[in-house]
Amino acid sequence: MIRTAIAAPVAKANLSNAINFIEANLDQSIGLTAIAEIAGLSVSHLTRQFRAAVGQAPHQYLLQRRVENAKRRLRGTDASIPQIAFVCGFASQQHLTRIFKRVCGATPAAYRKMSRD
């Protein structure tokens, strides 16, 4: 019983470290190994804890946050879609478009047009 009481806050701190690292590095290439190192956990343990706490795997969370950032930029700037892809941490415009369409159901260009109409 004592171990559980002590382990829970440590796990929350580890998870917070992982989330803070992701948020601070959305525009960078982030590997699961780097996130696990920051959290002080093994990759498999991080993945299990992250999924249990957040409801999705760390990589899916990262992509979701990048898409949210792209949506904000598509609505609020006139930057080109390739520029937005780069600033948001996507490997290319095609990568942004593929992930964006999967998450939002529309391409970035269509989303921008809908948000301005």
C-alpha atoms as a PDB file:
ATOM      1  CA  MET A   1       0.000   0.000   0.000  1.00  0.00           C
ATOM      2  CA  ILE A   2       2.821   2.414   0.744  1.00  0.00           C
ATOM      3  CA  ARG A   3       4.425   1.750  -2.644  1.00  0.00           C
ATOM      4  CA  THR A   4       1.210   2.652  -4.457  1.00  0.00           C
ATOM      5  CA  ALA A   5       0.849   5.893  -2.523  1.00  0.00           C
ATOM      6  CA  ILE A   6       4.441   6.853  -3.304  1.00  0.00           C
ATOM      7  CA  ALA A   7       4.469   5.624  -6.921  1.00  0.00           C
ATOM      8  CA  ALA A   8       1.379   7.529  -8.076  1.00  0.00           C
ATOM      9  CA  PRO A   9       2.831  11.061  -7.618  1.00  0.00           C
ATOM     10  CA  VAL A  10       6.082  10.003  -9.277  1.00  0.00           C
ATOM     11  CA  ALA A  11       4.155   8.680 -12.267  1.00  0.00           C
ATOM     12  CA  LYS A  12       2.193  11.953 -12.519  1.00  0.00           C
ATOM     13  CA  ALA A  13       5.415  13.958 -12.387  1.00  0.00           C
ATOM     14  CA  ASN A  14       6.934  11.744 -15.084  1.00  0.00           C
ATOM     15  CA  LEU A  15       3.870  12.181 -17.267  1.00  0.00           C
ATOM     16  CA  SER A  16       3.917  15.955 -16.722  1.00  0.00           C
ATOM     17  CA  ASN A  17       7.560  16.038 -17.776  1.00  0.00           C
ATOM     18  CA  ALA A  18       6.689  14.135 -20.955  1.00  0.00           C
ATOM     19  CA  ILE A  19       3.760  16.414 -21.817  1.00  0.00           C
ATOM     20  CA  ASN A  20       5.763  19.565 -21.076  1.00  0.00           C
ATOM     21  CA  PHE A  21       8.572  18.292 -23.304  1.00  0.00           C
ATOM     22  CA  ILE A  22       6.151  17.575 -26.151  1.00  0.00           C
ATOM     23  CA  GLU A  23       4.512  20.990 -25.806  1.00  0.00           C
ATOM     24  CA  ALA A  24       7.877  22.791 -25.754  1.00  0.00           C
ATOM     25  CA  ASN A  25       9.139  20.926 -28.826  1.00  0.00           C
ATOM     26  CA  LEU A  26       6.093  20.673 -31.104  1.00  0.00           C
ATOM     27  CA  ASP A  27       8.060  22.145 -33.978  1.00  0.00           C
ATOM     28  CA  GLN A  28      10.955  19.700 -33.597  1.00  0.00           C
ATOM     29  CA  SER A  29      11.427  16.102 -34.587  1.00  0.00           C
ATOM     30  CA  ILE A  30      10.637  14.240 -31.365  1.00  0.00           C
ATOM     31  CA  GLY A  31      11.218  10.537 -30.938  1.00  0.00           C
ATOM     32  CA  LEU A  32       9.525   8.321 -28.410  1.00  0.00           C
ATOM     33  CA  THR A  33      12.921   7.501 -26.901  1.00  0.00           C
ATOM     34  CA  ALA A  34      13.586  11.182 -26.163  1.00  0.00           C
ATOM     35  CA  ILE A  35      10.175  11.584 -24.511  1.00  0.00           C
ATOM     36  CA  ALA A  36      10.770   8.472 -22.398  1.00  0.00           C
ATOM     37  CA  GLU A  37      14.194   9.755 -21.319  1.00  0.00           C
ATOM     38  CA  ILE A  38      12.739  13.097 -20.226  1.00  0.00           C
ATOM     39  CA  ALA A  39      10.042  11.251 -18.294  1.00  0.00           C
ATOM     40  CA  GLY A  40      12.563   8.895 -16.715  1.00  0.00           C
ATOM     41  CA  LEU A  41      10.666   5.854 -17.954  1.00  0.00           C
ATOM     42  CA  SER A  42      11.212   3.059 -20.430  1.00  0.00           C
ATOM     43  CA  VAL A  43       9.508   3.506 -23.784  1.00  0.00           C
ATOM     44  CA  SER A  44       6.990   0.755 -23.089  1.00  0.00           C
ATOM     45  CA  HIS A  45       6.191   2.038 -19.592  1.00  0.00           C
ATOM     46  CA  LEU A  46       5.794   5.595 -20.873  1.00  0.00           C
ATOM     47  CA  THR A  47       3.476   4.425 -23.632  1.00  0.00           C
ATOM     48  CA  ARG A  48       1.273   2.477 -21.197  1.00  0.00           C
ATOM     49  CA  GLN A  49       1.148   5.288 -18.626  1.00  0.00           C
ATOM     50  CA  PHE A  50       0.561   7.963 -21.243  1.00  0.00           C
ATOM     51  CA  ARG A  51      -2.254   6.034 -22.898  1.00  0.00           C
ATOM     52  CA  ALA A  52      -3.908   5.358 -19.525  1.00  0.00           C
ATOM     53  CA  ALA A  53      -3.715   9.008 -18.440  1.00  0.00           C
ATOM     54  CA  VAL A  54      -4.279  10.878 -21.718  1.00  0.00           C
ATOM     55  CA  GLY A  55      -6.293   8.337 -23.690  1.00  0.00           C
ATOM     56  CA  GLN A  56      -3.916   8.097 -26.622  1.00  0.00           C
ATOM     57  CA  ALA A  57      -0.344   7.136 -27.388  1.00  0.00           C
ATOM     58  CA  PRO A  58       2.362   9.825 -27.082  1.00  0.00           C
ATOM     59  CA  HIS A  59       2.865  10.006 -30.857  1.00  0.00           C
ATOM     60  CA  GLN A  60      -0.856  10.444 -31.474  1.00  0.00           C
ATOM     61  CA  TYR A  61      -0.949  13.190 -28.832  1.00  0.00           C
ATOM     62  CA  LEU A  62       1.998  14.905 -30.543  1.00  0.00           C
ATOM     63  CA  LEU A  63       0.286  14.780 -33.946  1.00  0.00           C
ATOM     64  CA  GLN A  64      -2.977  16.073 -32.481  1.00  0.00           C
ATOM     65  CA  ARG A  65      -1.197  19.027 -30.869  1.00  0.00           C
ATOM     66  CA  ARG A  66       0.596  19.789 -34.147  1.00  0.00           C
ATOM     67  CA  VAL A  67      -2.705  19.739 -36.034  1.00  0.00           C
ATOM     68  CA  GLU A  68      -4.251  22.100 -33.466  1.00  0.00           C
ATOM     69  CA  ASN A  69      -1.301  24.443 -33.958  1.00  0.00           C
ATOM     70  CA  ALA A  70      -1.710  24.231 -37.744  1.00  0.00           C
ATOM     71  CA  LYS A  71      -5.440  24.966 -37.471  1.00  0.00           C
ATOM     72  CA  ARG A  72      -4.715  28.067 -35.408  1.00  0.00           C
ATOM     73  CA  ARG A  73      -2.156  29.261 -37.985  1.00  0.00           C
ATOM     74  CA  LEU A  74      -4.437  28.487 -40.930  1.00  0.00           C
ATOM     75  CA  ARG A  75      -7.175  30.619 -39.359  1.00  0.00           C
ATOM     76  CA  GLY A  76      -4.968  33.424 -38.106  1.00  0.00           C
ATOM     77  CA  THR A  77      -2.228  33.938 -40.697  1.00  0.00           C
ATOM     78  CA  ASP A  78      -1.708  34.170 -44.420  1.00  0.00           C
ATOM     79  CA  ALA A  79       1.382  31.946 -44.250  1.00  0.00           C
ATOM     80  CA  SER A  80       1.587  29.334 -46.975  1.00  0.00           C
ATOM     81  CA  ILE A  81       0.651  25.761 -46.149  1.00  0.00           C
ATOM     82  CA  PRO A  82       4.250  24.526 -46.650  1.00  0.00           C
ATOM     83  CA  GLN A  83       5.437  27.238 -44.213  1.00  0.00           C
ATOM     84  CA  ILE A  84       2.810  26.206 -41.686  1.00  0.00           C
ATOM     85  CA  ALA A  85       3.773  22.557 -42.083  1.00  0.00           C
ATOM     86  CA  PHE A  86       7.408  23.397 -41.350  1.00  0.00           C
ATOM     87  CA  VAL A  87       6.656  25.672 -38.381  1.00  0.00           C
ATOM     88  CA  CYS A  88       4.326  23.073 -36.865  1.00  0.00           C
ATOM     89  CA  GLY A  89       6.905  20.287 -37.026  1.00  0.00           C
ATOM     90  CA  PHE A  90       5.609  18.284 -39.963  1.00  0.00           C
ATOM     91  CA  ALA A  91       8.152  16.751 -42.320  1.00  0.00           C
ATOM     92  CA  SER A  92       6.459  18.209 -45.407  1.00  0.00           C
ATOM     93  CA  GLN A  93       3.263  19.743 -46.719  1.00  0.00           C
ATOM     94  CA  GLN A  94       2.147  16.264 -47.772  1.00  0.00           C
ATOM     95  CA  HIS A  95       2.666  14.957 -44.241  1.00  0.00           C
ATOM     96  CA  LEU A  96       0.609  17.822 -42.804  1.00  0.00           C
ATOM     97  CA  THR A  97      -2.120  17.274 -45.398  1.00  0.00           C
ATOM     98  CA  ARG A  98      -2.334  13.526 -44.755  1.00  0.00           C
ATOM     99  CA  ILE A  99      -2.496  13.867 -40.953  1.00  0.00           C
ATOM    100  CA  PHE A 100      -4.731  16.953 -41.059  1.00  0.00           C
ATOM    101  CA  LYS A 101      -7.266  15.239 -43.314  1.00  0.00           C
ATOM    102  CA  ARG A 102      -7.277  12.147 -41.101  1.00  0.00           C
ATOM    103  CA  VAL A 103      -7.890  14.235 -37.964  1.00  0.00           C
ATOM    104  CA  CYS A 104     -10.155  16.982 -39.336  1.00  0.00           C
ATOM    105  CA  GLY A 105     -11.795  15.390 -42.343  1.00  0.00           C
ATOM    106  CA  ALA A 106     -10.606  18.168 -44.664  1.00  0.00           C
ATOM    107  CA  THR A 107      -7.346  19.293 -46.207  1.00  0.00           C
ATOM    108  CA  PRO A 108      -5.559  22.324 -44.725  1.00  0.00           C
ATOM    109  CA  ALA A 109      -6.532  24.429 -47.767  1.00  0.00           C
ATOM    110  CA  ALA A 110     -10.208  23.448 -47.449  1.00  0.00           C
ATOM    111  CA  TYR A 111     -10.109  24.112 -43.698  1.00  0.00           C
ATOM    112  CA  ARG A 112      -8.611  27.567 -44.281  1.00  0.00           C
ATOM    113  CA  LYS A 113     -11.288  28.391 -46.858  1.00  0.00           C
ATOM    114  CA  MET A 114     -14.123  27.164 -44.580  1.00  0.00           C
ATOM    115  CA  SER A 115     -12.784  29.084 -41.593  1.00  0.00           C
ATOM    116  CA  ARG A 116     -12.663  32.340 -43.586  1.00  0.00           C
ATOM    117  CA  ASP A 117     -16.133  32.043 -45.148  1.00  0.00           C
END
